[in-house]
Amino acid sequence: MALIDNAIYVNGRRAATPKTLDETYEVMKANNGFAWIGMYRPSEREVRSVAAEFSLHHLAVEDALKGHQRAKLERFDDILFVVLRPARYIDDEERVEFGELHVFVGPDFVVTIRHAESPNLARVRERMESTPELLAFGPEAVLYAILDQIVDEYGPVVAGLENDIDEIEDQLFDGDQEVSRRIYALSREVIEFQRATQPLVGMLEALQRGFDKYSVDVELHHHLRDVLDHTLRVAERGDAFRQLLDNALIVHSTLVTQRQNDETRRLSETSLAQSEEVKKISSWAAILFAPTLVGTIYGMNFTHMPELKWVFGYPFALGLMVAMGFGLYWVFKKNNWL
């Protein structure tokens, strides 16, 4: 069911738990308290019922119905419309799952419309009901508690992202071929995390600026300031993660280039070594070919050939073979082929 929890609070204590929205409207007026209506993926009819009862602005209602909104804080007269992007780290899949929460805060009501599993608003309600003196501050106290819960749930996400980045640093120097894909995937998660956390700083500062104008109790000032401090630390960690991943990409690119250069150098050295061997083989082939050429010419057995009847023909042929061999050897040696 869309209506997860629904209660009327008077002086910080639960006075009634209506079963339906219509009953909530009636009991709220009768008890002169404020309503906290928690909804999970409600239908359009249910959202418009709440909108009609509490005079919610139509633009905020359309945003709540469409979803996929950026984190933001908007004020319509005395009603706040807050869009929050909670997140949780899924250990088994090593990824961050982002949700969306819409909160309407008025003088006598809080309406939460949740579109994902996080944040755990049941924990928020338990905490507030266990501290009636804080809940007695009204709807603004509920908004504070929701913001505090969301920022607290960012803690495990920060730890998970930090662990993933540490693993990437190990993969970089192990030569893992899949590390670039993981860096890009993690970079997208960190960017999405920054989109969720960075607007919170401006939103909380805007709430602080409106404390005096809307007569918010000083005790809530302190609580919201504490949430702002935690949010600033989370946002700073997101910025640091972004920088680390950018550096990881640069290091990865450098290592890939270095490995390519090493491979090119090895190929060049191998090619040079092969070239030297080819030179040696070619030199010895030429040296051996010279006497073979002379011997082949004088072994053709033609009747009319020069020097066949010359007394010194045979020694001359042998000497020519030796001379050509040594001559070629000297030439190749001088040119460092041998």
C-alpha atoms as a PDB file:
ATOM      1  CA  MET A   1       0.000   0.000   0.000  1.00  0.00           C
ATOM      2  CA  ALA A   2       1.118   3.571  -0.717  1.00  0.00           C
ATOM      3  CA  LEU A   3       0.247   4.793   2.791  1.00  0.00           C
ATOM      4  CA  ILE A   4       3.131   3.391   4.863  1.00  0.00           C
ATOM      5  CA  ASP A   5       2.610   5.244   8.133  1.00  0.00           C
ATOM      6  CA  ASN A   6       0.202   7.959   9.049  1.00  0.00           C
ATOM      7  CA  ALA A   7      -0.096   9.716  12.393  1.00  0.00           C
ATOM      8  CA  ILE A   8      -1.374  12.826  14.129  1.00  0.00           C
ATOM      9  CA  TYR A   9       0.986  14.372  16.697  1.00  0.00           C
ATOM     10  CA  VAL A  10       0.012  16.691  19.514  1.00  0.00           C
ATOM     11  CA  ASN A  11       2.708  18.180  21.759  1.00  0.00           C
ATOM     12  CA  GLY A  12       5.283  15.768  20.389  1.00  0.00           C
ATOM     13  CA  ARG A  13       3.289  12.613  20.978  1.00  0.00           C
ATOM     14  CA  ARG A  14       1.281  10.392  18.678  1.00  0.00           C
ATOM     15  CA  ALA A  15      -2.366  11.182  19.292  1.00  0.00           C
ATOM     16  CA  ALA A  16      -3.957   9.111  16.529  1.00  0.00           C
ATOM     17  CA  THR A  17      -3.131   6.680  13.733  1.00  0.00           C
ATOM     18  CA  PRO A  18      -5.783   7.120  11.040  1.00  0.00           C
ATOM     19  CA  LYS A  19      -6.307   4.329   8.548  1.00  0.00           C
ATOM     20  CA  THR A  20      -7.095   6.505   5.529  1.00  0.00           C
ATOM     21  CA  LEU A  21      -6.227   9.942   4.223  1.00  0.00           C
ATOM     22  CA  ASP A  22      -9.786  11.188   4.676  1.00  0.00           C
ATOM     23  CA  GLU A  23      -9.736  10.101   8.309  1.00  0.00           C
ATOM     24  CA  THR A  24      -6.396  11.863   8.721  1.00  0.00           C
ATOM     25  CA  TYR A  25      -7.824  15.179   7.576  1.00  0.00           C
ATOM     26  CA  GLU A  26     -10.714  14.929  10.020  1.00  0.00           C
ATOM     27  CA  VAL A  27      -8.669  13.822  13.032  1.00  0.00           C
ATOM     28  CA  MET A  28      -5.995  16.464  12.402  1.00  0.00           C
ATOM     29  CA  LYS A  29      -8.555  19.272  12.593  1.00  0.00           C
ATOM     30  CA  ALA A  30     -10.211  17.776  15.652  1.00  0.00           C
ATOM     31  CA  ASN A  31      -6.977  17.366  17.624  1.00  0.00           C
ATOM     32  CA  ASN A  32      -5.330  20.628  16.585  1.00  0.00           C
ATOM     33  CA  GLY A  33      -2.055  18.811  15.956  1.00  0.00           C
ATOM     34  CA  PHE A  34       0.024  18.192  12.890  1.00  0.00           C
ATOM     35  CA  ALA A  35      -0.102  15.245  10.507  1.00  0.00           C
ATOM     36  CA  TRP A  36       2.889  13.226   9.322  1.00  0.00           C
ATOM     37  CA  ILE A  37       1.855  11.237   6.261  1.00  0.00           C
ATOM     38  CA  GLY A  38       4.376   8.771   4.875  1.00  0.00           C
ATOM     39  CA  MET A  39       3.736   7.482   1.346  1.00  0.00           C
ATOM     40  CA  TYR A  40       5.636   5.020  -0.823  1.00  0.00           C
ATOM     41  CA  ARG A  41       5.169   5.329  -4.591  1.00  0.00           C
ATOM     42  CA  PRO A  42       1.605   6.647  -4.267  1.00  0.00           C
ATOM     43  CA  SER A  43      -0.896   6.807  -7.098  1.00  0.00           C
ATOM     44  CA  GLU A  44      -1.754  10.101  -8.757  1.00  0.00           C
ATOM     45  CA  ARG A  45      -5.159  10.065  -7.037  1.00  0.00           C
ATOM     46  CA  GLU A  46      -3.559   9.829  -3.598  1.00  0.00           C
ATOM     47  CA  VAL A  47      -1.073  12.616  -4.323  1.00  0.00           C
ATOM     48  CA  ARG A  48      -3.789  14.906  -5.637  1.00  0.00           C
ATOM     49  CA  SER A  49      -5.926  14.162  -2.574  1.00  0.00           C
ATOM     50  CA  VAL A  50      -3.129  15.388  -0.319  1.00  0.00           C
ATOM     51  CA  ALA A  51      -2.486  18.343  -2.630  1.00  0.00           C
ATOM     52  CA  ALA A  52      -6.112  19.430  -2.494  1.00  0.00           C
ATOM     53  CA  GLU A  53      -6.340  19.093   1.298  1.00  0.00           C
ATOM     54  CA  PHE A  54      -3.142  21.039   2.058  1.00  0.00           C
ATOM     55  CA  SER A  55      -3.271  23.466  -0.911  1.00  0.00           C
ATOM     56  CA  LEU A  56       0.028  22.315  -2.370  1.00  0.00           C
ATOM     57  CA  HIS A  57       1.314  24.282  -5.322  1.00  0.00           C
ATOM     58  CA  HIS A  58       0.527  22.623  -8.635  1.00  0.00           C
ATOM     59  CA  LEU A  59       4.138  22.876  -9.885  1.00  0.00           C
ATOM     60  CA  ALA A  60       5.437  21.020  -6.834  1.00  0.00           C
ATOM     61  CA  VAL A  61       2.694  18.424  -7.240  1.00  0.00           C
ATOM     62  CA  GLU A  62       3.655  17.862 -10.888  1.00  0.00           C
ATOM     63  CA  ASP A  63       7.299  17.398  -9.856  1.00  0.00           C
ATOM     64  CA  ALA A  64       6.264  14.867  -7.230  1.00  0.00           C
ATOM     65  CA  LEU A  65       4.202  12.941  -9.767  1.00  0.00           C
ATOM     66  CA  LYS A  66       6.863  12.911 -12.485  1.00  0.00           C
ATOM     67  CA  GLY A  67       9.846  12.190 -10.260  1.00  0.00           C
ATOM     68  CA  HIS A  68      13.445  12.223 -11.535  1.00  0.00           C
ATOM     69  CA  GLN A  69      14.033  15.641 -10.001  1.00  0.00           C
ATOM     70  CA  ARG A  70      17.299  17.188  -8.910  1.00  0.00           C
ATOM     71  CA  ALA A  71      17.870  17.892  -5.221  1.00  0.00           C
ATOM     72  CA  LYS A  72      16.288  21.238  -4.442  1.00  0.00           C
ATOM     73  CA  LEU A  73      14.413  23.364  -1.915  1.00  0.00           C
ATOM     74  CA  GLU A  74      11.482  25.549  -2.971  1.00  0.00           C
ATOM     75  CA  ARG A  75       9.125  27.666  -0.912  1.00  0.00           C
ATOM     76  CA  PHE A  76       5.523  28.337  -1.891  1.00  0.00           C
ATOM     77  CA  ASP A  77       4.209  30.863   0.650  1.00  0.00           C
ATOM     78  CA  ASP A  78       4.324  28.983   3.968  1.00  0.00           C
ATOM     79  CA  ILE A  79       4.884  25.540   2.418  1.00  0.00           C
ATOM     80  CA  LEU A  80       8.302  24.046   1.735  1.00  0.00           C
ATOM     81  CA  PHE A  81       8.847  21.571  -1.077  1.00  0.00           C
ATOM     82  CA  VAL A  82      12.071  19.603  -0.714  1.00  0.00           C
ATOM     83  CA  VAL A  83      13.505  17.075  -3.138  1.00  0.00           C
ATOM     84  CA  LEU A  84      16.236  14.861  -1.709  1.00  0.00           C
ATOM     85  CA  ARG A  85      18.426  12.219  -3.352  1.00  0.00           C
ATOM     86  CA  PRO A  86      19.187   9.536  -0.747  1.00  0.00           C
ATOM     87  CA  ALA A  87      21.740   6.859  -1.544  1.00  0.00           C
ATOM     88  CA  ARG A  88      22.826   3.473  -0.298  1.00  0.00           C
ATOM     89  CA  TYR A  89      25.855   1.323  -1.077  1.00  0.00           C
ATOM     90  CA  ILE A  90      25.123  -2.238  -2.215  1.00  0.00           C
ATOM     91  CA  ASP A  91      28.098  -4.327  -1.093  1.00  0.00           C
ATOM     92  CA  ASP A  92      27.342  -7.438  -3.159  1.00  0.00           C
ATOM     93  CA  GLU A  93      27.307  -5.472  -6.411  1.00  0.00           C
ATOM     94  CA  GLU A  94      29.831  -2.786  -5.370  1.00  0.00           C
ATOM     95  CA  ARG A  95      27.627   0.019  -6.633  1.00  0.00           C
ATOM     96  CA  VAL A  96      25.657   2.977  -5.323  1.00  0.00           C
ATOM     97  CA  GLU A  97      21.872   3.013  -5.627  1.00  0.00           C
ATOM     98  CA  PHE A  98      20.231   6.446  -5.644  1.00  0.00           C
ATOM     99  CA  GLY A  99      16.652   7.121  -4.627  1.00  0.00           C
ATOM    100  CA  GLU A 100      14.355  10.103  -4.560  1.00  0.00           C
ATOM    101  CA  LEU A 101      12.333  11.576  -1.721  1.00  0.00           C
ATOM    102  CA  HIS A 102       9.824  14.435  -1.917  1.00  0.00           C
ATOM    103  CA  VAL A 103       8.896  16.237   1.273  1.00  0.00           C
ATOM    104  CA  PHE A 104       6.101  18.782   1.704  1.00  0.00           C
ATOM    105  CA  VAL A 105       6.324  20.736   4.943  1.00  0.00           C
ATOM    106  CA  GLY A 106       3.540  23.068   6.029  1.00  0.00           C
ATOM    107  CA  PRO A 107       2.416  24.717   9.278  1.00  0.00           C
ATOM    108  CA  ASP A 108       0.465  21.631  10.365  1.00  0.00           C
ATOM    109  CA  PHE A 109       1.603  18.770   8.147  1.00  0.00           C
ATOM    110  CA  VAL A 110       4.510  16.806   6.728  1.00  0.00           C
ATOM    111  CA  VAL A 111       4.001  14.653   3.648  1.00  0.00           C
ATOM    112  CA  THR A 112       6.822  12.379   2.521  1.00  0.00           C
ATOM    113  CA  ILE A 113       6.667  10.678  -0.877  1.00  0.00           C
ATOM    114  CA  ARG A 114       9.354   8.032  -1.235  1.00  0.00           C
ATOM    115  CA  HIS A 115      10.315   6.520  -4.591  1.00  0.00           C
ATOM    116  CA  ALA A 116      13.056   4.116  -3.426  1.00  0.00           C
ATOM    117  CA  GLU A 117      14.062   1.889  -0.515  1.00  0.00           C
ATOM    118  CA  SER A 118      16.158   4.579   1.125  1.00  0.00           C
ATOM    119  CA  PRO A 119      16.050   6.522   3.348  1.00  0.00           C
ATOM    120  CA  ASN A 120      14.720   4.484   6.245  1.00  0.00           C
ATOM    121  CA  LEU A 121      11.931   6.825   7.331  1.00  0.00           C
ATOM    122  CA  ALA A 122      10.632   4.280   9.841  1.00  0.00           C
ATOM    123  CA  ARG A 123      13.852   4.833  11.774  1.00  0.00           C
ATOM    124  CA  VAL A 124      13.315   8.591  11.584  1.00  0.00           C
ATOM    125  CA  ARG A 125       9.795   8.251  12.970  1.00  0.00           C
ATOM    126  CA  GLU A 126      10.963   5.964  15.792  1.00  0.00           C
ATOM    127  CA  ARG A 127      13.695   8.408  16.722  1.00  0.00           C
ATOM    128  CA  MET A 128      11.355  11.388  16.777  1.00  0.00           C
ATOM    129  CA  GLU A 129       8.654   9.574  18.736  1.00  0.00           C
ATOM    130  CA  SER A 130      11.270   8.581  21.311  1.00  0.00           C
ATOM    131  CA  THR A 131      12.190  12.266  21.777  1.00  0.00           C
ATOM    132  CA  PRO A 132       8.823  14.047  22.085  1.00  0.00           C
ATOM    133  CA  GLU A 133      10.503  17.253  23.232  1.00  0.00           C
ATOM    134  CA  LEU A 134      12.129  17.487  19.775  1.00  0.00           C
ATOM    135  CA  LEU A 135       9.019  16.374  17.897  1.00  0.00           C
ATOM    136  CA  ALA A 136       7.047  19.035  19.750  1.00  0.00           C
ATOM    137  CA  PHE A 137       8.798  21.678  17.612  1.00  0.00           C
ATOM    138  CA  GLY A 138       6.479  20.597  14.806  1.00  0.00           C
ATOM    139  CA  PRO A 139       6.917  19.869  11.098  1.00  0.00           C
ATOM    140  CA  GLU A 140      10.286  21.684  10.912  1.00  0.00           C
ATOM    141  CA  ALA A 141      11.687  19.161  13.404  1.00  0.00           C
ATOM    142  CA  VAL A 142      10.540  16.294  11.173  1.00  0.00           C
ATOM    143  CA  LEU A 143      12.283  17.917   8.199  1.00  0.00           C
ATOM    144  CA  TYR A 144      15.460  18.228  10.272  1.00  0.00           C
ATOM    145  CA  ALA A 145      15.285  14.534  11.240  1.00  0.00           C
ATOM    146  CA  ILE A 146      14.781  13.453   7.629  1.00  0.00           C
ATOM    147  CA  LEU A 147      17.750  15.537   6.475  1.00  0.00           C
ATOM    148  CA  ASP A 148      19.858  14.140   9.300  1.00  0.00           C
ATOM    149  CA  GLN A 149      18.936  10.553   8.394  1.00  0.00           C
ATOM    150  CA  ILE A 150      19.773  11.042   4.731  1.00  0.00           C
ATOM    151  CA  VAL A 151      23.146  12.606   5.514  1.00  0.00           C
ATOM    152  CA  ASP A 152      23.896   9.780   7.984  1.00  0.00           C
ATOM    153  CA  GLU A 153      23.080   7.210   5.295  1.00  0.00           C
ATOM    154  CA  TYR A 154      25.648   8.857   3.047  1.00  0.00           C
ATOM    155  CA  GLY A 155      28.309   7.591   5.477  1.00  0.00           C
ATOM    156  CA  PRO A 156      28.321   3.939   4.271  1.00  0.00           C
ATOM    157  CA  VAL A 157      28.254   5.222   0.685  1.00  0.00           C
ATOM    158  CA  VAL A 158      31.395   7.279   1.308  1.00  0.00           C
ATOM    159  CA  ALA A 159      33.081   4.246   2.883  1.00  0.00           C
ATOM    160  CA  GLY A 160      32.082   2.016  -0.027  1.00  0.00           C
ATOM    161  CA  LEU A 161      33.324   4.479  -2.649  1.00  0.00           C
ATOM    162  CA  GLU A 162      36.579   4.927  -0.751  1.00  0.00           C
ATOM    163  CA  ASN A 163      37.097   1.160  -0.707  1.00  0.00           C
ATOM    164  CA  ASP A 164      36.401   0.950  -4.450  1.00  0.00           C
ATOM    165  CA  ILE A 165      38.961   3.676  -5.146  1.00  0.00           C
ATOM    166  CA  ASP A 166      41.561   1.831  -3.049  1.00  0.00           C
ATOM    167  CA  GLU A 167      40.931  -1.308  -5.117  1.00  0.00           C
ATOM    168  CA  ILE A 168      41.315   0.700  -8.324  1.00  0.00           C
ATOM    169  CA  GLU A 169      44.700   1.977  -7.154  1.00  0.00           C
ATOM    170  CA  ASP A 170      45.818  -1.628  -6.678  1.00  0.00           C
ATOM    171  CA  GLN A 171      44.465  -2.619 -10.098  1.00  0.00           C
ATOM    172  CA  LEU A 172      46.298   0.247 -11.791  1.00  0.00           C
ATOM    173  CA  PHE A 173      49.725  -1.094 -10.962  1.00  0.00           C
ATOM    174  CA  ASP A 174      48.774  -4.741 -11.416  1.00  0.00           C
ATOM    175  CA  GLY A 175      48.148  -4.132 -15.106  1.00  0.00           C
ATOM    176  CA  ASP A 176      44.462  -5.108 -14.944  1.00  0.00           C
ATOM    177  CA  GLN A 177      42.932  -4.520 -18.385  1.00  0.00           C
ATOM    178  CA  GLU A 178      39.446  -3.856 -16.926  1.00  0.00           C
ATOM    179  CA  VAL A 179      40.545  -1.022 -14.658  1.00  0.00           C
ATOM    180  CA  SER A 180      39.671   1.738 -17.155  1.00  0.00           C
ATOM    181  CA  ARG A 181      36.082   0.500 -17.416  1.00  0.00           C
ATOM    182  CA  ARG A 182      35.794   0.436 -13.631  1.00  0.00           C
ATOM    183  CA  ILE A 183      37.236   3.944 -13.296  1.00  0.00           C
ATOM    184  CA  TYR A 184      34.674   5.335 -15.725  1.00  0.00           C
ATOM    185  CA  ALA A 185      31.807   3.495 -13.993  1.00  0.00           C
ATOM    186  CA  LEU A 186      32.909   4.711 -10.574  1.00  0.00           C
ATOM    187  CA  SER A 187      33.357   8.246 -11.897  1.00  0.00           C
ATOM    188  CA  ARG A 188      29.710   8.270 -12.981  1.00  0.00           C
ATOM    189  CA  GLU A 189      28.651   7.152  -9.505  1.00  0.00           C
ATOM    190  CA  VAL A 190      30.773   9.843  -7.853  1.00  0.00           C
ATOM    191  CA  ILE A 191      29.325  12.513 -10.163  1.00  0.00           C
ATOM    192  CA  GLU A 192      25.814  11.335  -9.278  1.00  0.00           C
ATOM    193  CA  PHE A 193      26.791  11.369  -5.605  1.00  0.00           C
ATOM    194  CA  GLN A 194      27.983  14.962  -5.948  1.00  0.00           C
ATOM    195  CA  ARG A 195      24.695  15.924  -7.585  1.00  0.00           C
ATOM    196  CA  ALA A 196      22.902  14.473  -4.573  1.00  0.00           C
ATOM    197  CA  THR A 197      25.078  15.996  -1.851  1.00  0.00           C
ATOM    198  CA  GLN A 198      26.318  19.365  -3.091  1.00  0.00           C
ATOM    199  CA  PRO A 199      22.847  21.006  -3.391  1.00  0.00           C
ATOM    200  CA  LEU A 200      22.180  20.037   0.236  1.00  0.00           C
ATOM    201  CA  VAL A 201      24.729  22.614   1.396  1.00  0.00           C
ATOM    202  CA  GLY A 202      22.858  25.460  -0.266  1.00  0.00           C
ATOM    203  CA  MET A 203      19.509  24.069   0.873  1.00  0.00           C
ATOM    204  CA  LEU A 204      20.550  23.941   4.529  1.00  0.00           C
ATOM    205  CA  GLU A 205      22.071  27.402   4.334  1.00  0.00           C
ATOM    206  CA  ALA A 206      18.807  28.685   2.867  1.00  0.00           C
ATOM    207  CA  LEU A 207      16.889  27.091   5.748  1.00  0.00           C
ATOM    208  CA  GLN A 208      19.210  28.787   8.226  1.00  0.00           C
ATOM    209  CA  ARG A 209      18.625  32.166   6.623  1.00  0.00           C
ATOM    210  CA  GLY A 210      14.875  31.699   7.083  1.00  0.00           C
ATOM    211  CA  PHE A 211      15.035  30.771  10.776  1.00  0.00           C
ATOM    212  CA  ASP A 212      14.270  34.237  12.117  1.00  0.00           C
ATOM    213  CA  LYS A 213      11.735  35.114   9.448  1.00  0.00           C
ATOM    214  CA  TYR A 214       9.661  31.988  10.091  1.00  0.00           C
ATOM    215  CA  SER A 215      10.268  31.890  13.872  1.00  0.00           C
ATOM    216  CA  VAL A 216      12.046  28.530  13.953  1.00  0.00           C
ATOM    217  CA  ASP A 217      13.013  27.467  17.474  1.00  0.00           C
ATOM    218  CA  VAL A 218      16.654  28.108  18.412  1.00  0.00           C
ATOM    219  CA  GLU A 219      17.118  24.448  19.370  1.00  0.00           C
ATOM    220  CA  LEU A 220      16.427  23.469  15.771  1.00  0.00           C
ATOM    221  CA  HIS A 221      19.048  26.035  14.728  1.00  0.00           C
ATOM    222  CA  HIS A 222      21.691  23.993  16.491  1.00  0.00           C
ATOM    223  CA  HIS A 223      20.484  20.678  15.091  1.00  0.00           C
ATOM    224  CA  LEU A 224      20.361  21.938  11.502  1.00  0.00           C
ATOM    225  CA  ARG A 225      23.799  23.526  11.863  1.00  0.00           C
ATOM    226  CA  ASP A 226      25.120  20.130  12.917  1.00  0.00           C
ATOM    227  CA  VAL A 227      23.544  18.537   9.829  1.00  0.00           C
ATOM    228  CA  LEU A 228      25.142  21.253   7.690  1.00  0.00           C
ATOM    229  CA  ASP A 229      28.581  20.453   9.143  1.00  0.00           C
ATOM    230  CA  HIS A 230      28.143  16.762   8.313  1.00  0.00           C
ATOM    231  CA  THR A 231      26.914  17.642   4.829  1.00  0.00           C
ATOM    232  CA  LEU A 232      29.961  19.812   4.169  1.00  0.00           C
ATOM    233  CA  ARG A 233      32.257  16.948   5.132  1.00  0.00           C
ATOM    234  CA  VAL A 234      30.378  14.539   2.866  1.00  0.00           C
ATOM    235  CA  ALA A 235      30.490  17.014  -0.035  1.00  0.00           C
ATOM    236  CA  GLU A 236      34.232  17.490   0.484  1.00  0.00           C
ATOM    237  CA  ARG A 237      34.744  13.728   0.341  1.00  0.00           C
ATOM    238  CA  GLY A 238      32.821  13.630  -2.930  1.00  0.00           C
ATOM    239  CA  ASP A 239      35.092  16.318  -4.379  1.00  0.00           C
ATOM    240  CA  ALA A 240      38.153  14.399  -3.185  1.00  0.00           C
ATOM    241  CA  PHE A 241      36.872  11.187  -4.797  1.00  0.00           C
ATOM    242  CA  ARG A 242      36.344  13.027  -8.084  1.00  0.00           C
ATOM    243  CA  GLN A 243      39.917  14.331  -7.982  1.00  0.00           C
ATOM    244  CA  LEU A 244      41.319  10.903  -7.113  1.00  0.00           C
ATOM    245  CA  LEU A 245      39.504   9.289 -10.025  1.00  0.00           C
ATOM    246  CA  ASP A 246      40.691  12.012 -12.411  1.00  0.00           C
ATOM    247  CA  ASN A 247      44.239  11.342 -11.222  1.00  0.00           C
ATOM    248  CA  ALA A 248      43.676   7.601 -11.630  1.00  0.00           C
ATOM    249  CA  LEU A 249      42.676   8.155 -15.258  1.00  0.00           C
ATOM    250  CA  ILE A 250      45.844  10.193 -15.855  1.00  0.00           C
ATOM    251  CA  VAL A 251      48.013   7.536 -14.195  1.00  0.00           C
ATOM    252  CA  HIS A 252      46.261   4.785 -16.163  1.00  0.00           C
ATOM    253  CA  SER A 253      46.833   6.651 -19.421  1.00  0.00           C
ATOM    254  CA  THR A 254      50.495   7.182 -18.504  1.00  0.00           C
ATOM    255  CA  LEU A 255      50.986   3.516 -17.633  1.00  0.00           C
ATOM    256  CA  VAL A 256      49.318   2.371 -20.851  1.00  0.00           C
ATOM    257  CA  THR A 257      51.530   4.734 -22.868  1.00  0.00           C
ATOM    258  CA  GLN A 258      54.598   3.510 -20.997  1.00  0.00           C
ATOM    259  CA  ARG A 259      53.693  -0.130 -21.656  1.00  0.00           C
ATOM    260  CA  GLN A 260      53.134   0.681 -25.330  1.00  0.00           C
ATOM    261  CA  ASN A 261      56.519   2.433 -25.488  1.00  0.00           C
ATOM    262  CA  ASP A 262      58.198  -0.535 -23.809  1.00  0.00           C
ATOM    263  CA  GLU A 263      56.556  -2.879 -26.282  1.00  0.00           C
ATOM    264  CA  THR A 264      57.593  -0.696 -29.206  1.00  0.00           C
ATOM    265  CA  ARG A 265      61.152  -0.575 -27.897  1.00  0.00           C
ATOM    266  CA  ARG A 266      61.246  -4.359 -27.534  1.00  0.00           C
ATOM    267  CA  LEU A 267      59.928  -4.759 -31.058  1.00  0.00           C
ATOM    268  CA  SER A 268      62.537  -2.303 -32.338  1.00  0.00           C
ATOM    269  CA  GLU A 269      65.311  -4.122 -30.521  1.00  0.00           C
ATOM    270  CA  THR A 270      64.109  -7.435 -31.920  1.00  0.00           C
ATOM    271  CA  SER A 271      63.915  -5.950 -35.403  1.00  0.00           C
ATOM    272  CA  LEU A 272      67.428  -4.545 -35.103  1.00  0.00           C
ATOM    273  CA  ALA A 273      68.757  -7.876 -33.886  1.00  0.00           C
ATOM    274  CA  GLN A 274      67.066  -9.644 -36.772  1.00  0.00           C
ATOM    275  CA  SER A 275      68.498  -7.078 -39.189  1.00  0.00           C
ATOM    276  CA  GLU A 276      72.013  -7.736 -37.884  1.00  0.00           C
ATOM    277  CA  GLU A 277      71.532 -11.451 -38.346  1.00  0.00           C
ATOM    278  CA  VAL A 278      70.256 -10.897 -41.884  1.00  0.00           C
ATOM    279  CA  LYS A 279      73.368  -8.821 -42.648  1.00  0.00           C
ATOM    280  CA  LYS A 280      75.653 -11.584 -41.415  1.00  0.00           C
ATOM    281  CA  ILE A 281      73.807 -14.277 -43.318  1.00  0.00           C
ATOM    282  CA  SER A 282      73.789 -12.167 -46.478  1.00  0.00           C
ATOM    283  CA  SER A 283      77.519 -11.416 -46.113  1.00  0.00           C
ATOM    284  CA  TRP A 284      78.504 -15.060 -45.761  1.00  0.00           C
ATOM    285  CA  ALA A 285      76.166 -16.014 -48.585  1.00  0.00           C
ATOM    286  CA  ALA A 286      77.903 -13.465 -50.836  1.00  0.00           C
ATOM    287  CA  ILE A 287      81.370 -14.670 -49.759  1.00  0.00           C
ATOM    288  CA  LEU A 288      80.451 -18.289 -50.506  1.00  0.00           C
ATOM    289  CA  PHE A 289      78.739 -17.329 -53.750  1.00  0.00           C
ATOM    290  CA  ALA A 290      81.882 -15.740 -55.276  1.00  0.00           C
ATOM    291  CA  PRO A 291      84.004 -18.958 -55.514  1.00  0.00           C
ATOM    292  CA  THR A 292      80.900 -20.892 -56.494  1.00  0.00           C
ATOM    293  CA  LEU A 293      80.426 -18.473 -59.403  1.00  0.00           C
ATOM    294  CA  VAL A 294      84.014 -18.973 -60.608  1.00  0.00           C
ATOM    295  CA  GLY A 295      83.818 -22.744 -60.195  1.00  0.00           C
ATOM    296  CA  THR A 296      80.483 -22.846 -62.034  1.00  0.00           C
ATOM    297  CA  ILE A 297      81.853 -20.890 -65.003  1.00  0.00           C
ATOM    298  CA  TYR A 298      84.879 -23.162 -65.408  1.00  0.00           C
ATOM    299  CA  GLY A 299      82.844 -26.287 -64.897  1.00  0.00           C
ATOM    300  CA  MET A 300      80.594 -25.783 -67.923  1.00  0.00           C
ATOM    301  CA  ASN A 301      82.728 -28.177 -70.155  1.00  0.00           C
ATOM    302  CA  PHE A 302      82.548 -26.123 -73.342  1.00  0.00           C
ATOM    303  CA  THR A 303      85.246 -26.962 -75.930  1.00  0.00           C
ATOM    304  CA  HIS A 304      86.198 -23.397 -76.758  1.00  0.00           C
ATOM    305  CA  MET A 305      86.717 -21.611 -73.435  1.00  0.00           C
ATOM    306  CA  PRO A 306      89.523 -19.194 -72.480  1.00  0.00           C
ATOM    307  CA  GLU A 307      92.273 -20.472 -70.210  1.00  0.00           C
ATOM    308  CA  LEU A 308      91.277 -24.155 -70.613  1.00  0.00           C
ATOM    309  CA  LYS A 309      94.701 -25.021 -72.067  1.00  0.00           C
ATOM    310  CA  TRP A 310      96.596 -22.479 -69.995  1.00  0.00           C
ATOM    311  CA  VAL A 311      99.120 -24.054 -67.614  1.00  0.00           C
ATOM    312  CA  PHE A 312      98.302 -21.595 -64.833  1.00  0.00           C
ATOM    313  CA  GLY A 313      94.544 -21.691 -65.373  1.00  0.00           C
ATOM    314  CA  TYR A 314      93.773 -23.965 -62.427  1.00  0.00           C
ATOM    315  CA  PRO A 315      95.940 -22.122 -59.866  1.00  0.00           C
ATOM    316  CA  PHE A 316      94.572 -18.838 -61.227  1.00  0.00           C
ATOM    317  CA  ALA A 317      90.987 -19.990 -60.722  1.00  0.00           C
ATOM    318  CA  LEU A 318      91.691 -21.081 -57.158  1.00  0.00           C
ATOM    319  CA  GLY A 319      93.498 -17.849 -56.403  1.00  0.00           C
ATOM    320  CA  LEU A 320      90.631 -15.842 -57.863  1.00  0.00           C
ATOM    321  CA  MET A 321      88.174 -17.681 -55.636  1.00  0.00           C
ATOM    322  CA  VAL A 322      90.252 -17.019 -52.529  1.00  0.00           C
ATOM    323  CA  ALA A 323      90.876 -13.383 -53.479  1.00  0.00           C
ATOM    324  CA  MET A 324      87.195 -12.675 -54.105  1.00  0.00           C
ATOM    325  CA  GLY A 325      86.253 -14.321 -50.796  1.00  0.00           C
ATOM    326  CA  PHE A 326      88.778 -12.300 -48.802  1.00  0.00           C
ATOM    327  CA  GLY A 327      87.882  -9.149 -50.696  1.00  0.00           C
ATOM    328  CA  LEU A 328      84.184  -9.491 -49.901  1.00  0.00           C
ATOM    329  CA  TYR A 329      85.010 -10.372 -46.278  1.00  0.00           C
ATOM    330  CA  TRP A 330      87.073  -7.175 -45.966  1.00  0.00           C
ATOM    331  CA  VAL A 331      84.275  -5.059 -47.485  1.00  0.00           C
ATOM    332  CA  PHE A 332      81.605  -6.515 -45.204  1.00  0.00           C
ATOM    333  CA  LYS A 333      83.825  -6.251 -42.152  1.00  0.00           C
ATOM    334  CA  LYS A 334      84.581  -2.627 -42.884  1.00  0.00           C
ATOM    335  CA  ASN A 335      80.839  -1.868 -43.088  1.00  0.00           C
ATOM    336  CA  ASN A 336      80.173  -3.735 -39.825  1.00  0.00           C
ATOM    337  CA  TRP A 337      78.126  -6.447 -41.480  1.00  0.00           C
ATOM    338  CA  LEU A 338      80.395  -9.068 -39.937  1.00  0.00           C
END
